[in-house]
């Protein structure tokens, strides 16, 4: 499982760097100088992607907490992270492109991000409970 955590950390580091470059170049190309949610993609993918999986790798080495359900939990966590990323991307693109969103679309984008954050939060708590169970 440690190899899987290392591979996920590497993958999310690459995705974070891609989003960082995209944010910088897309806003420069669009002559956008204000604040945009695109800037959050870079940090979210570094912290909730790369750093999270690096920490899981270290904790796995120390406590061997992974079991048969860990793979399912990883999938749900990654779904939550990428759903959150999609919400940030949609909101950020609309901000940079000065797209006027209707109330329904605005609420839908907020809902997408909210669902992603909820999934991430639930999975973090479940991971912590698994770790606590093995640490005792």
C-alpha atoms as a PDB file:
ATOM      1  CA  UNK A   1       0.000   0.000   0.000  1.00  0.00           C
ATOM      2  CA  UNK A   2       2.930   2.363   0.595  1.00  0.00           C
ATOM      3  CA  UNK A   3       3.814   2.216  -3.112  1.00  0.00           C
ATOM      4  CA  UNK A   4       0.224   3.199  -3.929  1.00  0.00           C
ATOM      5  CA  UNK A   5       0.402   6.168  -1.565  1.00  0.00           C
ATOM      6  CA  UNK A   6       3.721   7.231  -3.102  1.00  0.00           C
ATOM      7  CA  UNK A   7       2.282   6.987  -6.620  1.00  0.00           C
ATOM      8  CA  UNK A   8      -0.790   8.997  -5.632  1.00  0.00           C
ATOM      9  CA  UNK A   9       1.377  11.671  -3.998  1.00  0.00           C
ATOM     10  CA  UNK A  10       3.446  11.950  -7.179  1.00  0.00           C
ATOM     11  CA  UNK A  11       0.350  12.087  -9.385  1.00  0.00           C
ATOM     12  CA  UNK A  12      -1.253  14.855  -7.343  1.00  0.00           C
ATOM     13  CA  UNK A  13       2.011  16.819  -7.231  1.00  0.00           C
ATOM     14  CA  UNK A  14       2.058  16.786 -11.035  1.00  0.00           C
ATOM     15  CA  UNK A  15      -1.614  17.787 -11.219  1.00  0.00           C
ATOM     16  CA  UNK A  16      -0.980  20.619  -8.721  1.00  0.00           C
ATOM     17  CA  UNK A  17       1.903  21.946 -10.806  1.00  0.00           C
ATOM     18  CA  UNK A  18      -0.169  21.769 -13.983  1.00  0.00           C
ATOM     19  CA  UNK A  19      -2.971  23.745 -12.329  1.00  0.00           C
ATOM     20  CA  UNK A  20      -0.449  26.287 -11.028  1.00  0.00           C
ATOM     21  CA  UNK A  21       0.915  26.882 -14.509  1.00  0.00           C
ATOM     22  CA  UNK A  22      -2.614  26.915 -15.975  1.00  0.00           C
ATOM     23  CA  UNK A  23      -3.743  29.526 -13.446  1.00  0.00           C
ATOM     24  CA  UNK A  24      -0.760  31.765 -14.130  1.00  0.00           C
ATOM     25  CA  UNK A  25      -0.848  31.494 -17.906  1.00  0.00           C
ATOM     26  CA  UNK A  26      -4.636  31.541 -18.349  1.00  0.00           C
ATOM     27  CA  UNK A  27      -5.077  34.682 -16.247  1.00  0.00           C
ATOM     28  CA  UNK A  28      -2.128  36.360 -18.000  1.00  0.00           C
ATOM     29  CA  UNK A  29      -3.493  35.404 -21.440  1.00  0.00           C
ATOM     30  CA  UNK A  30      -6.945  36.694 -20.449  1.00  0.00           C
ATOM     31  CA  UNK A  31      -5.494  39.948 -19.009  1.00  0.00           C
ATOM     32  CA  UNK A  32      -7.196  39.130 -15.710  1.00  0.00           C
ATOM     33  CA  UNK A  33      -5.741  40.796 -12.612  1.00  0.00           C
ATOM     34  CA  UNK A  34      -8.398  40.159  -9.963  1.00  0.00           C
ATOM     35  CA  UNK A  35      -8.891  37.297  -7.532  1.00  0.00           C
ATOM     36  CA  UNK A  36     -10.113  33.990  -8.870  1.00  0.00           C
ATOM     37  CA  UNK A  37     -10.863  30.550  -7.495  1.00  0.00           C
ATOM     38  CA  UNK A  38      -8.398  29.110 -10.006  1.00  0.00           C
ATOM     39  CA  UNK A  39      -5.644  30.013  -7.550  1.00  0.00           C
ATOM     40  CA  UNK A  40      -7.079  27.508  -5.047  1.00  0.00           C
ATOM     41  CA  UNK A  41      -6.635  24.541  -7.380  1.00  0.00           C
ATOM     42  CA  UNK A  42      -2.860  24.610  -7.042  1.00  0.00           C
ATOM     43  CA  UNK A  43      -2.815  24.644  -3.243  1.00  0.00           C
ATOM     44  CA  UNK A  44      -5.716  22.215  -2.797  1.00  0.00           C
ATOM     45  CA  UNK A  45      -4.059  19.601  -4.977  1.00  0.00           C
ATOM     46  CA  UNK A  46      -0.719  20.057  -3.234  1.00  0.00           C
ATOM     47  CA  UNK A  47      -2.116  19.873   0.298  1.00  0.00           C
ATOM     48  CA  UNK A  48      -5.089  17.523  -0.081  1.00  0.00           C
ATOM     49  CA  UNK A  49      -3.395  15.489  -2.792  1.00  0.00           C
ATOM     50  CA  UNK A  50       0.366  15.261  -2.507  1.00  0.00           C
ATOM     51  CA  UNK A  51       0.870  16.070   1.198  1.00  0.00           C
ATOM     52  CA  UNK A  52      -2.105  13.981   2.310  1.00  0.00           C
ATOM     53  CA  UNK A  53      -0.812  10.868   0.560  1.00  0.00           C
ATOM     54  CA  UNK A  54       2.746  11.456   1.739  1.00  0.00           C
ATOM     55  CA  UNK A  55       1.440  11.615   5.306  1.00  0.00           C
ATOM     56  CA  UNK A  56      -0.588   8.433   4.753  1.00  0.00           C
ATOM     57  CA  UNK A  57       2.560   6.752   3.457  1.00  0.00           C
ATOM     58  CA  UNK A  58       4.446   7.634   6.651  1.00  0.00           C
ATOM     59  CA  UNK A  59       1.565   6.616   8.883  1.00  0.00           C
ATOM     60  CA  UNK A  60       1.209   3.330   6.999  1.00  0.00           C
ATOM     61  CA  UNK A  61       4.897   2.641   7.620  1.00  0.00           C
ATOM     62  CA  UNK A  62       4.434   3.330  11.330  1.00  0.00           C
ATOM     63  CA  UNK A  63       1.075   1.651  12.046  1.00  0.00           C
ATOM     64  CA  UNK A  64       0.139  -0.566   9.052  1.00  0.00           C
ATOM     65  CA  UNK A  65      -3.433   0.693   9.264  1.00  0.00           C
ATOM     66  CA  UNK A  66      -4.543  -0.267   5.735  1.00  0.00           C
ATOM     67  CA  UNK A  67      -6.988  -3.118   5.329  1.00  0.00           C
ATOM     68  CA  UNK A  68      -9.427  -4.426   2.730  1.00  0.00           C
ATOM     69  CA  UNK A  69     -11.661  -1.338   2.887  1.00  0.00           C
ATOM     70  CA  UNK A  70      -8.844   1.176   2.477  1.00  0.00           C
ATOM     71  CA  UNK A  71      -8.972   0.981  -1.323  1.00  0.00           C
ATOM     72  CA  UNK A  72     -12.654   1.978  -1.350  1.00  0.00           C
ATOM     73  CA  UNK A  73     -11.928   4.831   1.031  1.00  0.00           C
ATOM     74  CA  UNK A  74      -9.121   6.035  -1.254  1.00  0.00           C
ATOM     75  CA  UNK A  75     -11.484   6.058  -4.225  1.00  0.00           C
ATOM     76  CA  UNK A  76     -14.107   8.099  -2.365  1.00  0.00           C
ATOM     77  CA  UNK A  77     -11.432  10.508  -1.099  1.00  0.00           C
ATOM     78  CA  UNK A  78     -10.098  11.041  -4.606  1.00  0.00           C
ATOM     79  CA  UNK A  79     -13.621  11.521  -5.948  1.00  0.00           C
ATOM     80  CA  UNK A  80     -14.184  14.184  -3.306  1.00  0.00           C
ATOM     81  CA  UNK A  81     -10.905  15.917  -4.100  1.00  0.00           C
ATOM     82  CA  UNK A  82     -11.549  15.951  -7.830  1.00  0.00           C
ATOM     83  CA  UNK A  83     -15.185  17.016  -7.447  1.00  0.00           C
ATOM     84  CA  UNK A  84     -13.949  19.911  -5.316  1.00  0.00           C
ATOM     85  CA  UNK A  85     -11.349  20.691  -7.980  1.00  0.00           C
ATOM     86  CA  UNK A  86     -14.060  20.704 -10.640  1.00  0.00           C
ATOM     87  CA  UNK A  87     -16.053  23.227  -8.614  1.00  0.00           C
ATOM     88  CA  UNK A  88     -13.020  25.494  -8.262  1.00  0.00           C
ATOM     89  CA  UNK A  89     -12.236  25.139 -11.969  1.00  0.00           C
ATOM     90  CA  UNK A  90     -15.772  26.009 -13.077  1.00  0.00           C
ATOM     91  CA  UNK A  91     -16.040  28.953 -10.686  1.00  0.00           C
ATOM     92  CA  UNK A  92     -12.564  30.224 -11.596  1.00  0.00           C
ATOM     93  CA  UNK A  93     -13.135  29.994 -15.340  1.00  0.00           C
ATOM     94  CA  UNK A  94     -16.381  31.926 -15.018  1.00  0.00           C
ATOM     95  CA  UNK A  95     -14.576  34.589 -12.961  1.00  0.00           C
ATOM     96  CA  UNK A  96     -11.682  35.007 -15.387  1.00  0.00           C
ATOM     97  CA  UNK A  97     -13.943  34.998 -18.436  1.00  0.00           C
ATOM     98  CA  UNK A  98     -16.406  37.381 -16.704  1.00  0.00           C
ATOM     99  CA  UNK A  99     -19.252  34.985 -17.406  1.00  0.00           C
ATOM    100  CA  UNK A 100     -22.474  36.037 -15.733  1.00  0.00           C
ATOM    101  CA  UNK A 101     -23.934  32.963 -14.048  1.00  0.00           C
ATOM    102  CA  UNK A 102     -27.600  32.488 -13.386  1.00  0.00           C
ATOM    103  CA  UNK A 103     -28.760  31.683  -9.863  1.00  0.00           C
ATOM    104  CA  UNK A 104     -29.187  28.015 -10.714  1.00  0.00           C
ATOM    105  CA  UNK A 105     -25.731  27.622 -12.216  1.00  0.00           C
ATOM    106  CA  UNK A 106     -24.145  29.570  -9.372  1.00  0.00           C
ATOM    107  CA  UNK A 107     -25.850  27.301  -6.837  1.00  0.00           C
ATOM    108  CA  UNK A 108     -24.889  24.199  -8.827  1.00  0.00           C
ATOM    109  CA  UNK A 109     -21.196  25.109  -8.808  1.00  0.00           C
ATOM    110  CA  UNK A 110     -21.333  25.804  -5.071  1.00  0.00           C
ATOM    111  CA  UNK A 111     -23.115  22.490  -4.595  1.00  0.00           C
ATOM    112  CA  UNK A 112     -20.460  20.635  -6.570  1.00  0.00           C
ATOM    113  CA  UNK A 113     -17.709  22.069  -4.374  1.00  0.00           C
ATOM    114  CA  UNK A 114     -19.733  21.392  -1.249  1.00  0.00           C
ATOM    115  CA  UNK A 115     -20.271  17.731  -2.117  1.00  0.00           C
ATOM    116  CA  UNK A 116     -16.565  17.329  -2.790  1.00  0.00           C
ATOM    117  CA  UNK A 117     -15.635  18.935   0.530  1.00  0.00           C
ATOM    118  CA  UNK A 118     -18.112  16.722   2.398  1.00  0.00           C
ATOM    119  CA  UNK A 119     -16.646  13.566   0.832  1.00  0.00           C
ATOM    120  CA  UNK A 120     -13.114  14.685   1.679  1.00  0.00           C
ATOM    121  CA  UNK A 121     -14.102  15.494   5.266  1.00  0.00           C
ATOM    122  CA  UNK A 122     -15.837  12.156   5.824  1.00  0.00           C
ATOM    123  CA  UNK A 123     -12.872  10.244   4.403  1.00  0.00           C
ATOM    124  CA  UNK A 124     -10.357  12.142   6.531  1.00  0.00           C
ATOM    125  CA  UNK A 125     -12.343  11.276   9.659  1.00  0.00           C
ATOM    126  CA  UNK A 126     -12.563   7.615   8.588  1.00  0.00           C
ATOM    127  CA  UNK A 127      -8.823   7.495   7.883  1.00  0.00           C
ATOM    128  CA  UNK A 128      -8.115   9.006  11.304  1.00  0.00           C
ATOM    129  CA  UNK A 129     -10.360   6.438  12.973  1.00  0.00           C
ATOM    130  CA  UNK A 130      -8.524   3.613  11.171  1.00  0.00           C
ATOM    131  CA  UNK A 131      -5.188   5.027  12.250  1.00  0.00           C
ATOM    132  CA  UNK A 132      -6.326   5.504  15.854  1.00  0.00           C
ATOM    133  CA  UNK A 133      -7.548   1.921  15.967  1.00  0.00           C
ATOM    134  CA  UNK A 134      -4.101   0.637  14.937  1.00  0.00           C
ATOM    135  CA  UNK A 135      -2.145   3.132  17.043  1.00  0.00           C
ATOM    136  CA  UNK A 136      -3.649   1.974  20.333  1.00  0.00           C
END
